[in-house]
Amino acid sequence: MDAVALTNVSFRYGRKGELILRHLSFHAAAGEMWCLLGPSGSGKSTMIRLLMGLDIPTEGTVEVLGERAPYRTVRPRIGYMPQDSALYNDLTGAENLRFFGGLAGVRRKDLGARARDLLEFFDLADAANRLVGEYSGGMQRRLSLAVALMADPDLLILDEPTVGLDPRQRIRIWEQLSKLSADGTTVLITTHVMDEAERCPNVALLSDGRIIGTGSPQQICEAAGTQSLEAAFLQLLETGSLAGDDNNDTEEAGR
């Protein structure tokens, strides 16, 4: 069963609003890691809102973890890390984790142990009792990711998770995301940075509300006849799709 399934999805704001997504199909299996790559305005944020159940498609269907939006039961199984920090600077790292974990439905008796495990996993144990306002930007990004994982979600959605991080911190985040994926968590990452997407085993290229290419970075480059993902993206912007596939369903073009 797919962890994520968007089928022939279109979306516009209001009856006469601008069409944001255009007959888009996208599937991701449990444990897969995908980068949603595209410039600002390509539709990445709208896809996230649909997957989170914050919006309902104008046409088509959205299913997450076997349940069709709007969700009744699966919402606690989705972890989300926004691009902008939502942490409380006047609380410690451990306090932030316990607070957000409680909101996510983690049982009170489990909050402390879960917070300690995540602080250790993200190399923040030594800073557990420091105020978040004293954290560096990289530490705050790692803590934000830990917050998204407090409820041990089956689906993790990350919006530009490495923005503002130095190369060493970015590598550390990607190593941790790879471990999560290997352990069975489905990971979706939005980015507009080509070299970030090249770290991802699966990539969906978005432009103007459509997916114009899917697959591994190598598969996309081979299909486009280019040496780099950036060159492939630019070429696909001109041709419109990979191998004439208008919807670019990942079952056909990505796996």
Protein backbone atom coordinates (compact mmCIF):
# COMPACT_ATOMS: atom_id res chain seq x y z
CA MET A 1 0.00 0.00 0.00
CA ASP A 2 1.21 3.48 -0.83
CA ALA A 3 1.90 5.75 2.12
CA VAL A 4 1.00 8.74 -0.06
CA ALA A 5 -1.27 8.79 -3.11
CA LEU A 6 -2.37 11.88 -5.00
CA THR A 7 -4.43 10.87 -8.01
CA ASN A 8 -5.33 13.30 -10.80
CA VAL A 9 -5.35 16.18 -8.31
CA SER A 10 -6.20 19.73 -9.29
CA PHE A 11 -6.55 22.60 -6.85
CA ARG A 12 -7.67 26.19 -7.03
CA TYR A 13 -8.50 28.70 -4.32
CA GLY A 14 -12.20 29.47 -4.64
CA ARG A 15 -14.50 28.78 -7.57
CA LYS A 16 -12.73 31.23 -9.89
CA GLY A 17 -9.32 31.32 -8.26
CA GLU A 18 -6.01 30.55 -9.91
CA LEU A 19 -5.38 26.90 -10.71
CA ILE A 20 -2.44 25.92 -8.50
CA LEU A 21 -2.17 22.17 -9.21
CA ARG A 22 -3.05 20.66 -12.58
CA HIS A 23 -4.09 16.99 -12.81
CA LEU A 24 -1.14 15.94 -10.67
CA SER A 25 -0.51 12.32 -9.67
CA PHE A 26 2.12 11.24 -7.17
CA HIS A 27 2.67 8.04 -5.18
CA ALA A 28 5.20 7.17 -2.48
CA ALA A 29 5.54 3.79 -0.82
CA ALA A 30 6.18 3.22 2.86
CA GLY A 31 9.80 3.89 3.76
CA GLU A 32 10.60 5.83 0.61
CA MET A 33 12.32 9.21 0.69
CA TRP A 34 11.27 11.79 -1.90
CA CYS A 35 12.37 15.32 -2.68
CA LEU A 36 9.75 17.63 -4.15
CA LEU A 37 11.94 19.95 -6.19
CA GLY A 38 10.74 23.14 -7.80
CA PRO A 39 10.97 26.92 -7.72
CA SER A 40 8.72 29.16 -5.65
CA GLY A 41 5.18 28.99 -7.00
CA SER A 42 5.57 25.53 -8.52
CA GLY A 43 3.00 23.93 -6.21
CA LYS A 44 5.14 22.37 -3.46
CA SER A 45 3.44 24.20 -0.58
CA THR A 46 -0.01 23.37 -1.93
CA MET A 47 0.93 19.69 -2.13
CA ILE A 48 1.99 19.82 1.51
CA ARG A 49 -1.27 21.48 2.57
CA LEU A 50 -3.25 18.79 0.76
CA LEU A 51 -1.20 16.00 2.33
CA MET A 52 -1.61 17.56 5.76
CA GLY A 53 -5.38 17.72 5.25
CA LEU A 54 -5.41 21.50 5.51
CA ASP A 55 -6.97 21.85 2.04
CA ILE A 56 -9.19 19.57 -0.03
CA PRO A 57 -8.51 19.05 -3.76
CA THR A 58 -10.79 20.71 -6.27
CA GLU A 59 -10.55 17.53 -8.34
CA GLY A 60 -9.02 14.12 -7.74
CA THR A 61 -8.20 12.33 -4.50
CA VAL A 62 -5.55 12.54 -1.77
CA GLU A 63 -4.86 9.50 0.42
CA VAL A 64 -2.31 9.28 3.22
CA LEU A 65 -1.58 6.03 5.05
CA GLY A 66 -4.67 4.46 3.53
CA GLU A 67 -7.13 7.20 4.49
CA ARG A 68 -8.66 9.73 2.14
CA ALA A 69 -8.60 13.42 3.07
CA PRO A 70 -10.13 14.99 5.12
CA TYR A 71 -8.59 12.65 7.66
CA ARG A 72 -10.38 11.19 10.67
CA THR A 73 -7.66 9.08 12.24
CA VAL A 74 -4.26 9.38 10.53
CA ARG A 75 -3.39 13.00 11.33
CA PRO A 76 -1.36 12.06 14.47
CA ARG A 77 0.72 9.71 12.30
CA ILE A 78 1.99 12.64 10.18
CA GLY A 79 5.01 14.62 11.38
CA TYR A 80 5.60 18.06 9.95
CA MET A 81 8.61 20.37 10.11
CA PRO A 82 7.88 23.89 8.78
CA GLN A 83 10.53 26.02 7.13
CA ASP A 84 10.16 28.71 9.79
CA SER A 85 10.92 27.69 13.36
CA ALA A 86 7.89 27.16 15.60
CA LEU A 87 9.96 26.57 18.72
CA TYR A 88 9.59 28.46 22.01
CA ASN A 89 12.84 30.30 22.71
CA ASP A 90 12.06 30.74 26.41
CA LEU A 91 11.77 26.98 26.93
CA THR A 92 14.62 24.47 26.97
CA GLY A 93 15.09 21.93 24.23
CA ALA A 94 13.68 19.17 26.43
CA GLU A 95 10.72 21.32 27.44
CA ASN A 96 9.92 22.08 23.80
CA LEU A 97 9.90 18.39 22.99
CA ARG A 98 7.68 17.48 25.91
CA PHE A 99 5.27 20.33 25.12
CA PHE A 100 4.88 19.53 21.44
CA GLY A 101 4.86 15.81 22.15
CA GLY A 102 1.90 16.31 24.46
CA LEU A 103 0.06 18.25 21.75
CA ALA A 104 0.76 15.39 19.32
CA GLY A 105 -0.83 12.86 21.65
CA VAL A 106 2.24 11.22 23.19
CA ARG A 107 1.27 9.72 26.54
CA ARG A 108 2.47 11.73 29.52
CA LYS A 109 4.43 8.81 30.94
CA ASP A 110 6.32 8.42 27.65
CA LEU A 111 7.19 12.07 27.02
CA GLY A 112 10.44 12.17 28.98
CA ALA A 113 11.93 9.01 27.52
CA ARG A 114 10.91 9.94 23.97
CA ALA A 115 12.43 13.41 24.34
CA ARG A 116 15.70 11.97 25.69
CA ASP A 117 15.95 9.47 22.84
CA LEU A 118 15.47 12.18 20.20
CA LEU A 119 17.88 14.59 21.86
CA GLU A 120 20.48 11.83 21.78
CA PHE A 121 19.68 10.91 18.17
CA PHE A 122 20.11 14.50 17.02
CA ASP A 123 23.24 15.09 19.10
CA LEU A 124 21.48 17.60 21.36
CA ALA A 125 21.64 15.76 24.68
CA ASP A 126 24.26 18.15 26.10
CA ALA A 127 21.98 21.10 25.28
CA ALA A 128 18.76 19.53 26.57
CA ASN A 129 18.42 21.97 29.48
CA ARG A 130 19.55 25.10 27.64
CA LEU A 131 17.02 27.67 26.48
CA VAL A 132 16.31 27.30 22.76
CA GLY A 133 16.98 31.03 22.35
CA GLU A 134 20.63 30.18 23.04
CA TYR A 135 20.75 27.49 20.33
CA SER A 136 22.55 28.01 17.04
CA GLY A 137 20.54 27.90 13.83
CA GLY A 138 21.67 24.36 13.12
CA MET A 139 20.70 23.21 16.59
CA GLN A 140 17.26 24.75 16.20
CA ARG A 141 16.74 22.98 12.86
CA ARG A 142 17.68 19.65 14.43
CA LEU A 143 15.37 20.31 17.36
CA SER A 144 12.53 21.22 14.98
CA LEU A 145 13.03 17.88 13.26
CA ALA A 146 13.01 16.14 16.64
CA VAL A 147 9.69 17.86 17.44
CA ALA A 148 8.21 16.51 14.20
CA LEU A 149 9.28 13.01 15.28
CA MET A 150 7.97 13.07 18.85
CA ALA A 151 4.86 11.04 17.99
CA ASP A 152 6.93 8.53 15.95
CA PRO A 153 5.08 9.37 12.70
CA ASP A 154 4.75 7.03 9.74
CA LEU A 155 4.96 10.00 7.35
CA LEU A 156 7.40 12.86 7.83
CA ILE A 157 6.95 16.04 5.76
CA LEU A 158 9.80 18.55 5.83
CA ASP A 159 9.67 22.01 4.28
CA GLU A 160 13.18 23.12 3.26
CA PRO A 161 14.76 21.41 6.31
CA THR A 162 18.36 22.49 5.67
CA VAL A 163 17.82 26.18 4.86
CA GLY A 164 20.48 28.29 6.57
CA LEU A 165 22.66 25.36 7.64
CA ASP A 166 26.35 25.03 6.93
CA PRO A 167 27.59 22.05 4.85
CA ARG A 168 28.53 19.94 7.87
CA GLN A 169 25.10 20.45 9.47
CA ARG A 170 23.36 19.66 6.19
CA ILE A 171 25.25 16.37 5.90
CA ARG A 172 24.27 15.48 9.46
CA ILE A 173 20.58 16.13 8.76
CA TRP A 174 20.66 14.02 5.59
CA GLU A 175 22.34 11.15 7.43
CA GLN A 176 19.59 11.22 10.03
CA LEU A 177 16.83 11.35 7.41
CA SER A 178 18.35 8.35 5.64
CA LYS A 179 18.28 6.39 8.90
CA LEU A 180 14.62 7.26 9.43
CA SER A 181 13.75 6.15 5.90
CA ALA A 182 15.68 2.89 6.36
CA ASP A 183 13.65 2.25 9.51
CA GLY A 184 10.38 2.53 7.55
CA THR A 185 9.38 6.19 7.85
CA THR A 186 8.15 7.74 4.61
CA VAL A 187 9.96 11.06 4.16
CA LEU A 188 8.88 13.90 1.85
CA ILE A 189 11.20 16.89 1.56
CA THR A 190 10.51 20.12 -0.29
CA THR A 191 13.47 22.01 -1.68
CA HIS A 192 14.43 24.42 -4.41
CA VAL A 193 18.14 23.57 -4.21
CA MET A 194 19.48 21.16 -6.83
CA ASP A 195 22.42 19.76 -4.87
CA GLU A 196 20.07 19.00 -1.98
CA ALA A 197 17.75 17.03 -4.25
CA GLU A 198 20.70 15.07 -5.62
CA ARG A 199 21.12 13.55 -2.14
CA CYS A 200 17.61 12.11 -2.32
CA PRO A 201 17.01 8.62 -3.76
CA ASN A 202 13.76 9.78 -5.40
CA VAL A 203 12.92 13.18 -6.87
CA ALA A 204 9.73 14.72 -8.24
CA LEU A 205 10.29 17.83 -10.36
CA LEU A 206 7.47 20.40 -10.13
CA SER A 207 6.70 23.30 -12.42
CA ASP A 208 3.53 25.34 -12.80
CA GLY A 209 1.44 22.96 -10.71
CA ARG A 210 2.51 19.83 -12.58
CA ILE A 211 5.05 17.07 -12.02
CA ILE A 212 7.28 17.13 -15.09
CA GLY A 213 9.66 14.34 -14.07
CA THR A 214 10.14 11.66 -11.43
CA GLY A 215 12.73 9.06 -10.53
CA SER A 216 16.17 8.89 -9.03
CA PRO A 217 18.49 11.78 -9.96
CA GLN A 218 20.35 9.39 -12.25
CA GLN A 219 17.14 8.18 -13.93
CA ILE A 220 15.98 11.74 -14.53
CA CYS A 221 19.32 12.76 -16.02
CA GLU A 222 19.38 9.69 -18.25
CA ALA A 223 15.82 10.29 -19.46
CA ALA A 224 16.60 13.94 -20.20
CA GLY A 225 20.01 13.14 -21.72
CA THR A 226 21.90 15.46 -19.37
CA GLN A 227 24.80 15.19 -16.93
CA SER A 228 23.22 17.08 -14.04
CA LEU A 229 19.84 17.33 -12.37
CA GLU A 230 19.84 21.09 -12.91
CA ALA A 231 20.34 20.67 -16.66
CA ALA A 232 17.63 17.99 -16.73
CA PHE A 233 15.20 20.29 -14.96
CA LEU A 234 15.87 23.13 -17.39
CA GLN A 235 15.39 20.82 -20.35
CA LEU A 236 12.18 19.39 -18.93
CA LEU A 237 10.84 22.90 -18.46
CA GLU A 238 11.07 23.22 -22.23
CA THR A 239 9.73 19.77 -23.18
CA GLY A 240 7.07 19.62 -20.43
CA SER A 241 7.57 16.06 -19.19
CA LEU A 242 9.67 12.92 -19.11
CA ALA A 243 9.19 10.61 -22.08
CA GLY A 244 5.84 12.15 -22.95
CA ASP A 245 4.20 11.19 -19.65
CA ASP A 246 1.79 14.03 -18.91
CA ASN A 247 0.94 13.03 -15.34
CA ASN A 248 4.29 11.50 -14.42
CA ASP A 249 2.77 9.06 -11.97
CA THR A 250 5.70 7.74 -9.95
CA GLU A 251 4.57 4.15 -10.39
CA GLU A 252 5.36 4.54 -14.09
CA ALA A 253 8.29 6.95 -14.11
CA GLY A 254 9.96 6.82 -10.71
CA ARG A 255 10.48 3.36 -9.28
